[in-house]
């Protein structure tokens, strides 16, 4: 499993795992958000590509 419960909230290994769980995109105040998943550091992690 790519996501698991952790003390203090939810952990997603990467954005693919967050999307698969239906949790992406995530705002900075939502469970599962980590700065490592916020590539442009705007407070929203795992945003869809702007292609």
C-alpha atoms as a PDB file:
ATOM      1  CA  UNK A   1       0.000   0.000   0.000  1.00  0.00           C
ATOM      2  CA  UNK A   2       1.379   3.427  -0.897  1.00  0.00           C
ATOM      3  CA  UNK A   3      -0.340   5.439   1.803  1.00  0.00           C
ATOM      4  CA  UNK A   4      -0.634   4.680   5.467  1.00  0.00           C
ATOM      5  CA  UNK A   5      -1.883   6.210   8.657  1.00  0.00           C
ATOM      6  CA  UNK A   6       0.761   7.943  10.708  1.00  0.00           C
ATOM      7  CA  UNK A   7       0.496   9.661  14.097  1.00  0.00           C
ATOM      8  CA  UNK A   8      -0.895  13.120  13.432  1.00  0.00           C
ATOM      9  CA  UNK A   9      -2.391  12.378  10.043  1.00  0.00           C
ATOM     10  CA  UNK A  10      -2.194  10.645   6.719  1.00  0.00           C
ATOM     11  CA  UNK A  11       0.999  10.008   4.761  1.00  0.00           C
ATOM     12  CA  UNK A  12       1.192   9.631   0.985  1.00  0.00           C
ATOM     13  CA  UNK A  13       4.468   8.361  -0.415  1.00  0.00           C
ATOM     14  CA  UNK A  14       4.041  10.476  -3.548  1.00  0.00           C
ATOM     15  CA  UNK A  15       1.463  12.334  -5.613  1.00  0.00           C
ATOM     16  CA  UNK A  16       0.481   9.202  -7.537  1.00  0.00           C
ATOM     17  CA  UNK A  17      -0.530   7.648  -4.208  1.00  0.00           C
ATOM     18  CA  UNK A  18      -2.449  10.772  -3.192  1.00  0.00           C
ATOM     19  CA  UNK A  19      -4.301  10.855  -6.519  1.00  0.00           C
ATOM     20  CA  UNK A  20      -5.086   7.126  -6.290  1.00  0.00           C
ATOM     21  CA  UNK A  21      -6.594   7.692  -2.831  1.00  0.00           C
ATOM     22  CA  UNK A  22      -8.693  10.594  -4.106  1.00  0.00           C
ATOM     23  CA  UNK A  23      -6.895  13.055  -1.843  1.00  0.00           C
ATOM     24  CA  UNK A  24      -5.094  15.206  -4.414  1.00  0.00           C
ATOM     25  CA  UNK A  25      -4.721  18.052  -4.824  1.00  0.00           C
ATOM     26  CA  UNK A  26      -4.119  18.915  -1.145  1.00  0.00           C
ATOM     27  CA  UNK A  27      -3.989  22.312   0.517  1.00  0.00           C
ATOM     28  CA  UNK A  28      -1.396  22.985   3.208  1.00  0.00           C
ATOM     29  CA  UNK A  29      -3.978  22.608   6.001  1.00  0.00           C
ATOM     30  CA  UNK A  30      -5.260  19.220   4.814  1.00  0.00           C
ATOM     31  CA  UNK A  31      -4.180  15.765   6.007  1.00  0.00           C
ATOM     32  CA  UNK A  32      -1.444  14.278   3.868  1.00  0.00           C
ATOM     33  CA  UNK A  33       0.078  17.588   2.747  1.00  0.00           C
ATOM     34  CA  UNK A  34       3.875  17.690   2.820  1.00  0.00           C
ATOM     35  CA  UNK A  35       6.126  20.360   1.424  1.00  0.00           C
ATOM     36  CA  UNK A  36       7.976  17.689  -0.560  1.00  0.00           C
ATOM     37  CA  UNK A  37       4.803  17.127  -2.608  1.00  0.00           C
ATOM     38  CA  UNK A  38       4.306  20.844  -3.341  1.00  0.00           C
ATOM     39  CA  UNK A  39       6.622  21.362  -6.313  1.00  0.00           C
ATOM     40  CA  UNK A  40       5.965  25.094  -6.748  1.00  0.00           C
ATOM     41  CA  UNK A  41       5.663  25.832  -2.997  1.00  0.00           C
ATOM     42  CA  UNK A  42       2.322  27.636  -3.343  1.00  0.00           C
ATOM     43  CA  UNK A  43       0.524  25.752  -0.562  1.00  0.00           C
ATOM     44  CA  UNK A  44      -1.163  23.204  -2.837  1.00  0.00           C
ATOM     45  CA  UNK A  45       0.462  19.799  -3.238  1.00  0.00           C
ATOM     46  CA  UNK A  46      -0.057  17.359  -6.105  1.00  0.00           C
ATOM     47  CA  UNK A  47      -1.662  19.813  -8.463  1.00  0.00           C
ATOM     48  CA  UNK A  48      -2.650  18.507 -11.890  1.00  0.00           C
ATOM     49  CA  UNK A  49      -0.201  19.312 -14.679  1.00  0.00           C
ATOM     50  CA  UNK A  50      -1.017  22.428 -16.648  1.00  0.00           C
ATOM     51  CA  UNK A  51      -0.549  20.743 -19.999  1.00  0.00           C
END
